[in-house]
PDB file of N, CA and C in Angstrom:
ATOM      1  N   MET A   1      56.350 -32.671 -33.921  1.00  0.00           N
ATOM      2  CA  MET A   1      55.860 -31.888 -32.793  1.00  0.00           C
ATOM      3  C   MET A   1      55.436 -32.848 -31.666  1.00  0.00           C
ATOM      4  N   PRO A   2      55.963 -32.666 -30.451  1.00  0.00           N
ATOM      5  CA  PRO A   2      55.608 -33.582 -29.365  1.00  0.00           C
ATOM      6  C   PRO A   2      54.194 -33.349 -28.858  1.00  0.00           C
ATOM      7  N   LYS A   3      53.698 -34.344 -28.157  1.00  0.00           N
ATOM      8  CA  LYS A   3      52.368 -34.229 -27.558  1.00  0.00           C
ATOM      9  C   LYS A   3      52.375 -33.201 -26.445  1.00  0.00           C
ATOM     10  N   VAL A   4      51.252 -32.558 -26.233  1.00  0.00           N
ATOM     11  CA  VAL A   4      51.100 -31.628 -25.121  1.00  0.00           C
ATOM     12  C   VAL A   4      50.540 -32.428 -23.948  1.00  0.00           C
ATOM     13  N   LYS A   5      51.293 -32.468 -22.846  1.00  0.00           N
ATOM     14  CA  LYS A   5      50.880 -33.275 -21.705  1.00  0.00           C
ATOM     15  C   LYS A   5      50.319 -32.381 -20.607  1.00  0.00           C
ATOM     16  N   SER A   6      49.285 -32.864 -19.962  1.00  0.00           N
ATOM     17  CA  SER A   6      48.702 -32.123 -18.852  1.00  0.00           C
ATOM     18  C   SER A   6      49.511 -32.371 -17.582  1.00  0.00           C
ATOM     19  N   HIS A   7      49.433 -31.456 -16.649  1.00  0.00           N
ATOM     20  CA  HIS A   7      50.191 -31.509 -15.401  1.00  0.00           C
ATOM     21  C   HIS A   7      49.560 -32.553 -14.485  1.00  0.00           C
ATOM     22  N   LYS A   8      50.265 -33.654 -14.254  1.00  0.00           N
ATOM     23  CA  LYS A   8      49.685 -34.792 -13.533  1.00  0.00           C
ATOM     24  C   LYS A   8      49.402 -34.485 -12.070  1.00  0.00           C
ATOM     25  N   ALA A   9      50.222 -33.642 -11.431  1.00  0.00           N
ATOM     26  CA  ALA A   9      49.982 -33.305 -10.029  1.00  0.00           C
ATOM     27  C   ALA A   9      48.679 -32.539  -9.865  1.00  0.00           C
ATOM     28  N   VAL A  10      48.352 -31.689 -10.832  1.00  0.00           N
ATOM     29  CA  VAL A  10      47.094 -30.941 -10.771  1.00  0.00           C
ATOM     30  C   VAL A  10      45.917 -31.881 -10.995  1.00  0.00           C
ATOM     31  N   LEU A  11      46.063 -32.807 -11.927  1.00  0.00           N
ATOM     32  CA  LEU A  11      44.968 -33.738 -12.218  1.00  0.00           C
ATOM     33  C   LEU A  11      44.633 -34.623 -11.023  1.00  0.00           C
ATOM     34  N   LYS A  12      45.625 -34.908 -10.173  1.00  0.00           N
ATOM     35  CA  LYS A  12      45.369 -35.724  -8.994  1.00  0.00           C
ATOM     36  C   LYS A  12      44.619 -34.959  -7.910  1.00  0.00           C
ATOM     37  N   ARG A  13      44.681 -33.632  -7.953  1.00  0.00           N
ATOM     38  CA  ARG A  13      44.116 -32.816  -6.893  1.00  0.00           C
ATOM     39  C   ARG A  13      42.811 -32.134  -7.238  1.00  0.00           C
ATOM     40  N   VAL A  14      42.431 -32.112  -8.501  1.00  0.00           N
ATOM     41  CA  VAL A  14      41.211 -31.420  -8.907  1.00  0.00           C
ATOM     42  C   VAL A  14      40.315 -32.355  -9.702  1.00  0.00           C
ATOM     43  N   LYS A  15      39.045 -31.959  -9.803  1.00  0.00           N
ATOM     44  CA  LYS A  15      38.087 -32.651 -10.666  1.00  0.00           C
ATOM     45  C   LYS A  15      37.470 -31.597 -11.558  1.00  0.00           C
ATOM     46  N   ILE A  16      37.431 -31.853 -12.847  1.00  0.00           N
ATOM     47  CA  ILE A  16      36.854 -30.909 -13.796  1.00  0.00           C
ATOM     48  C   ILE A  16      35.448 -31.373 -14.116  1.00  0.00           C
ATOM     49  N   THR A  17      34.478 -30.488 -13.902  1.00  0.00           N
ATOM     50  CA  THR A  17      33.083 -30.844 -14.135  1.00  0.00           C
ATOM     51  C   THR A  17      32.785 -30.835 -15.627  1.00  0.00           C
ATOM     52  N   ALA A  18      31.598 -31.284 -15.990  1.00  0.00           N
ATOM     53  CA  ALA A  18      31.211 -31.341 -17.400  1.00  0.00           C
ATOM     54  C   ALA A  18      31.129 -29.956 -18.020  1.00  0.00           C
ATOM     55  N   SER A  19      30.809 -28.945 -17.215  1.00  0.00           N
ATOM     56  CA  SER A  19      30.706 -27.588 -17.748  1.00  0.00           C
ATOM     57  C   SER A  19      32.056 -26.873 -17.781  1.00  0.00           C
ATOM     58  N   GLY A  20      33.125 -27.503 -17.272  1.00  0.00           N
ATOM     59  CA  GLY A  20      34.452 -26.909 -17.336  1.00  0.00           C
ATOM     60  C   GLY A  20      34.885 -26.201 -16.069  1.00  0.00           C
ATOM     61  N   LYS A  21      34.121 -26.335 -14.988  1.00  0.00           N
ATOM     62  CA  LYS A  21      34.519 -25.736 -13.720  1.00  0.00           C
ATOM     63  C   LYS A  21      35.471 -26.692 -12.987  1.00  0.00           C
ATOM     64  N   VAL A  22      36.239 -26.148 -12.066  1.00  0.00           N
ATOM     65  CA  VAL A  22      37.254 -26.935 -11.366  1.00  0.00           C
ATOM     66  C   VAL A  22      36.869 -27.058  -9.902  1.00  0.00           C
ATOM     67  N   LYS A  23      36.711 -28.303  -9.420  1.00  0.00           N
ATOM     68  CA  LYS A  23      36.400 -28.567  -8.023  1.00  0.00           C
ATOM     69  C   LYS A  23      37.648 -29.102  -7.345  1.00  0.00           C
ATOM     70  N   PHE A  24      37.850 -28.703  -6.068  1.00  0.00           N
ATOM     71  CA  PHE A  24      39.000 -29.184  -5.321  1.00  0.00           C
ATOM     72  C   PHE A  24      38.669 -29.222  -3.834  1.00  0.00           C
ATOM     73  N   LYS A  25      39.460 -29.975  -3.089  1.00  0.00           N
ATOM     74  CA  LYS A  25      39.279 -30.091  -1.656  1.00  0.00           C
ATOM     75  C   LYS A  25      40.077 -28.999  -0.957  1.00  0.00           C
ATOM     76  N   ARG A  26      39.530 -28.455   0.098  1.00  0.00           N
ATOM     77  CA  ARG A  26      40.180 -27.371   0.820  1.00  0.00           C
ATOM     78  C   ARG A  26      41.364 -27.872   1.646  1.00  0.00           C
ATOM     79  N   ALA A  27      42.287 -26.981   1.917  1.00  0.00           N
ATOM     80  CA  ALA A  27      43.425 -27.294   2.757  1.00  0.00           C
ATOM     81  C   ALA A  27      42.995 -27.335   4.227  1.00  0.00           C
ATOM     82  N   PHE A  28      43.833 -27.903   5.086  1.00  0.00           N
ATOM     83  CA  PHE A  28      43.626 -27.994   6.536  1.00  0.00           C
ATOM     84  C   PHE A  28      42.433 -28.869   6.900  1.00  0.00           C
ATOM     85  N   SER A  29      42.066 -29.816   6.064  1.00  0.00           N
ATOM     86  CA  SER A  29      40.902 -30.643   6.361  1.00  0.00           C
ATOM     87  C   SER A  29      41.236 -32.131   6.426  1.00  0.00           C
ATOM     88  N   GLY A  30      42.510 -32.490   6.472  1.00  0.00           N
ATOM     89  CA  GLY A  30      42.881 -33.891   6.459  1.00  0.00           C
ATOM     90  C   GLY A  30      42.854 -34.550   7.826  1.00  0.00           C
ATOM     91  N   HIS A  31      43.428 -33.870   8.834  1.00  0.00           N
ATOM     92  CA  HIS A  31      43.518 -34.449  10.175  1.00  0.00           C
ATOM     93  C   HIS A  31      43.684 -33.310  11.165  1.00  0.00           C
ATOM     94  N   LEU A  32      43.890 -33.649  12.451  1.00  0.00           N
ATOM     95  CA  LEU A  32      44.015 -32.658  13.529  1.00  0.00           C
ATOM     96  C   LEU A  32      42.774 -31.772  13.610  1.00  0.00           C
ATOM     97  N   MET A  33      41.606 -32.393  13.661  1.00  0.00           N
ATOM     98  CA  MET A  33      40.352 -31.641  13.664  1.00  0.00           C
ATOM     99  C   MET A  33      39.847 -31.351  15.071  1.00  0.00           C
ATOM    100  N   SER A  34      40.484 -31.908  16.111  1.00  0.00           N
ATOM    101  CA  SER A  34      39.936 -31.787  17.453  1.00  0.00           C
ATOM    102  C   SER A  34      40.011 -30.364  17.997  1.00  0.00           C
ATOM    103  N   HIS A  35      40.980 -29.580  17.567  1.00  0.00           N
ATOM    104  CA  HIS A  35      41.075 -28.219  18.077  1.00  0.00           C
ATOM    105  C   HIS A  35      40.312 -27.215  17.222  1.00  0.00           C
ATOM    106  N   LYS A  36      39.719 -27.662  16.127  1.00  0.00           N
ATOM    107  CA  LYS A  36      38.926 -26.779  15.276  1.00  0.00           C
ATOM    108  C   LYS A  36      37.469 -26.819  15.724  1.00  0.00           C
ATOM    109  N   THR A  37      36.760 -25.731  15.507  1.00  0.00           N
ATOM    110  CA  THR A  37      35.359 -25.686  15.910  1.00  0.00           C
ATOM    111  C   THR A  37      34.527 -26.558  14.975  1.00  0.00           C
ATOM    112  N   GLY A  38      33.337 -26.930  15.434  1.00  0.00           N
ATOM    113  CA  GLY A  38      32.452 -27.733  14.604  1.00  0.00           C
ATOM    114  C   GLY A  38      32.054 -27.015  13.338  1.00  0.00           C
ATOM    115  N   GLN A  39      31.849 -25.699  13.432  1.00  0.00           N
ATOM    116  CA  GLN A  39      31.477 -24.918  12.254  1.00  0.00           C
ATOM    117  C   GLN A  39      32.613 -24.929  11.225  1.00  0.00           C
ATOM    118  N   LYS A  40      33.844 -24.828  11.699  1.00  0.00           N
ATOM    119  CA  LYS A  40      34.993 -24.859  10.801  1.00  0.00           C
ATOM    120  C   LYS A  40      35.114 -26.208  10.117  1.00  0.00           C
ATOM    121  N   CYS A  41      34.870 -27.294  10.868  1.00  0.00           N
ATOM    122  CA  CYS A  41      34.937 -28.641  10.299  1.00  0.00           C
ATOM    123  C   CYS A  41      33.886 -28.835   9.219  1.00  0.00           C
ATOM    124  N   GLN A  42      32.700 -28.288   9.445  1.00  0.00           N
ATOM    125  CA  GLN A  42      31.640 -28.388   8.445  1.00  0.00           C
ATOM    126  C   GLN A  42      32.002 -27.625   7.183  1.00  0.00           C
ATOM    127  N   GLN A  43      32.617 -26.456   7.336  1.00  0.00           N
ATOM    128  CA  GLN A  43      33.008 -25.675   6.175  1.00  0.00           C
ATOM    129  C   GLN A  43      34.103 -26.373   5.369  1.00  0.00           C
ATOM    130  N   LEU A  44      35.003 -27.047   6.065  1.00  0.00           N
ATOM    131  CA  LEU A  44      36.109 -27.728   5.397  1.00  0.00           C
ATOM    132  C   LEU A  44      35.666 -28.993   4.674  1.00  0.00           C
ATOM    133  N   ARG A  45      34.499 -29.518   5.035  1.00  0.00           N
ATOM    134  CA  ARG A  45      34.055 -30.801   4.500  1.00  0.00           C
ATOM    135  C   ARG A  45      33.728 -30.741   3.012  1.00  0.00           C
ATOM    136  N   GLY A  46      33.155 -29.651   2.561  1.00  0.00           N
ATOM    137  CA  GLY A  46      32.690 -29.588   1.177  1.00  0.00           C
ATOM    138  C   GLY A  46      33.786 -29.280   0.184  1.00  0.00           C
ATOM    139  N   LYS A  47      33.501 -29.493  -1.076  1.00  0.00           N
ATOM    140  CA  LYS A  47      34.416 -29.144  -2.158  1.00  0.00           C
ATOM    141  C   LYS A  47      34.226 -27.670  -2.501  1.00  0.00           C
ATOM    142  N   ARG A  48      35.241 -27.091  -3.096  1.00  0.00           N
ATOM    143  CA  ARG A  48      35.166 -25.696  -3.509  1.00  0.00           C
ATOM    144  C   ARG A  48      35.367 -25.607  -5.003  1.00  0.00           C
ATOM    145  N   LEU A  49      34.918 -24.514  -5.599  1.00  0.00           N
ATOM    146  CA  LEU A  49      35.150 -24.238  -7.009  1.00  0.00           C
ATOM    147  C   LEU A  49      36.263 -23.212  -7.125  1.00  0.00           C
ATOM    148  N   ALA A  50      37.110 -23.381  -8.119  1.00  0.00           N
ATOM    149  CA  ALA A  50      38.238 -22.475  -8.312  1.00  0.00           C
ATOM    150  C   ALA A  50      37.735 -21.111  -8.758  1.00  0.00           C
ATOM    151  N   LYS A  51      38.377 -20.070  -8.247  1.00  0.00           N
ATOM    152  CA  LYS A  51      38.017 -18.696  -8.585  1.00  0.00           C
ATOM    153  C   LYS A  51      38.700 -18.288  -9.891  1.00  0.00           C
ATOM    154  N   SER A  52      38.291 -17.134 -10.408  1.00  0.00           N
ATOM    155  CA  SER A  52      38.788 -16.691 -11.707  1.00  0.00           C
ATOM    156  C   SER A  52      40.290 -16.408 -11.686  1.00  0.00           C
ATOM    157  N   GLY A  53      40.846 -16.025 -10.529  1.00  0.00           N
ATOM    158  CA  GLY A  53      42.275 -15.757 -10.471  1.00  0.00           C
ATOM    159  C   GLY A  53      43.125 -16.996 -10.691  1.00  0.00           C
ATOM    160  N   ASP A  54      42.613 -18.158 -10.351  1.00  0.00           N
ATOM    161  CA  ASP A  54      43.363 -19.402 -10.520  1.00  0.00           C
ATOM    162  C   ASP A  54      43.093 -20.084 -11.856  1.00  0.00           C
ATOM    163  N   ILE A  55      42.031 -19.702 -12.519  1.00  0.00           N
ATOM    164  CA  ILE A  55      41.608 -20.410 -13.728  1.00  0.00           C
ATOM    165  C   ILE A  55      42.638 -20.298 -14.845  1.00  0.00           C
ATOM    166  N   THR A  56      43.227 -19.122 -15.039  1.00  0.00           N
ATOM    167  CA  THR A  56      44.199 -18.975 -16.126  1.00  0.00           C
ATOM    168  C   THR A  56      45.415 -19.864 -15.894  1.00  0.00           C
ATOM    169  N   ARG A  57      45.892 -19.941 -14.647  1.00  0.00           N
ATOM    170  CA  ARG A  57      47.042 -20.788 -14.323  1.00  0.00           C
ATOM    171  C   ARG A  57      46.707 -22.261 -14.510  1.00  0.00           C
ATOM    172  N   LEU A  58      45.519 -22.677 -14.049  1.00  0.00           N
ATOM    173  CA  LEU A  58      45.119 -24.081 -14.198  1.00  0.00           C
ATOM    174  C   LEU A  58      44.889 -24.438 -15.658  1.00  0.00           C
ATOM    175  N   ALA A  59      44.333 -23.525 -16.431  1.00  0.00           N
ATOM    176  CA  ALA A  59      44.084 -23.793 -17.852  1.00  0.00           C
ATOM    177  C   ALA A  59      45.396 -24.003 -18.598  1.00  0.00           C
ATOM    178  N   LYS A  60      46.440 -23.260 -18.237  1.00  0.00           N
ATOM    179  CA  LYS A  60      47.746 -23.452 -18.875  1.00  0.00           C
ATOM    180  C   LYS A  60      48.339 -24.800 -18.493  1.00  0.00           C
ATOM    181  N   MET A  61      48.163 -25.204 -17.238  1.00  0.00           N
ATOM    182  CA  MET A  61      48.715 -26.485 -16.800  1.00  0.00           C
ATOM    183  C   MET A  61      47.997 -27.669 -17.430  1.00  0.00           C
ATOM    184  N   LEU A  62      46.690 -27.529 -17.627  1.00  0.00           N
ATOM    185  CA  LEU A  62      45.894 -28.656 -18.127  1.00  0.00           C
ATOM    186  C   LEU A  62      45.644 -28.596 -19.625  1.00  0.00           C
ATOM    187  N   HIS A  63      46.025 -27.495 -20.267  1.00  0.00           N
ATOM    188  CA  HIS A  63      45.891 -27.331 -21.712  1.00  0.00           C
ATOM    189  C   HIS A  63      44.457 -27.536 -22.189  1.00  0.00           C
ATOM    190  N   ARG A  64      43.532 -26.895 -21.480  1.00  0.00           N
ATOM    191  CA  ARG A  64      42.134 -26.954 -21.890  1.00  0.00           C
ATOM    192  C   ARG A  64      41.404 -25.735 -21.337  1.00  0.00           C
ATOM    193  N   PRO A  65      40.352 -25.306 -22.004  1.00  0.00           N
ATOM    194  CA  PRO A  65      39.607 -24.138 -21.508  1.00  0.00           C
ATOM    195  C   PRO A  65      38.806 -24.489 -20.266  1.00  0.00           C
ATOM    196  N   LEU A  66      38.801 -23.577 -19.292  1.00  0.00           N
ATOM    197  CA  LEU A  66      38.097 -23.791 -18.037  1.00  0.00           C
ATOM    198  C   LEU A  66      37.244 -22.581 -17.728  1.00  0.00           C
ATOM    199  N   LYS A  67      36.252 -22.765 -16.858  1.00  0.00           N
ATOM    200  CA  LYS A  67      35.381 -21.673 -16.421  1.00  0.00           C
ATOM    201  C   LYS A  67      35.579 -21.431 -14.944  1.00  0.00           C
ATOM    202  N   ALA A  68      35.387 -20.192 -14.540  1.00  0.00           N
ATOM    203  CA  ALA A  68      35.461 -19.863 -13.112  1.00  0.00           C
ATOM    204  C   ALA A  68      34.175 -20.306 -12.441  1.00  0.00           C
ATOM    205  N   GLY A  69      34.280 -20.689 -11.174  1.00  0.00           N
ATOM    206  CA  GLY A  69      33.124 -21.155 -10.415  1.00  0.00           C
ATOM    207  C   GLY A  69      32.460 -19.993  -9.821  1.00  0.00           C
TER     208      GLY A  69
END
């Protein structure tokens, strides 16, 4: 029986906390910030927790149990 490998692209983009929640960086926050409002830039700065709709898909890719944020 072969080893079960986790999805490497997902592992590069998320961080799994000790309690099993998934943190990730929001989209549209890399560059081109001059036309966005200051409030929008502040919102984009922080990390987000994955919602329950994404948890089942991420758990299958990473082969481990996860919790919704």
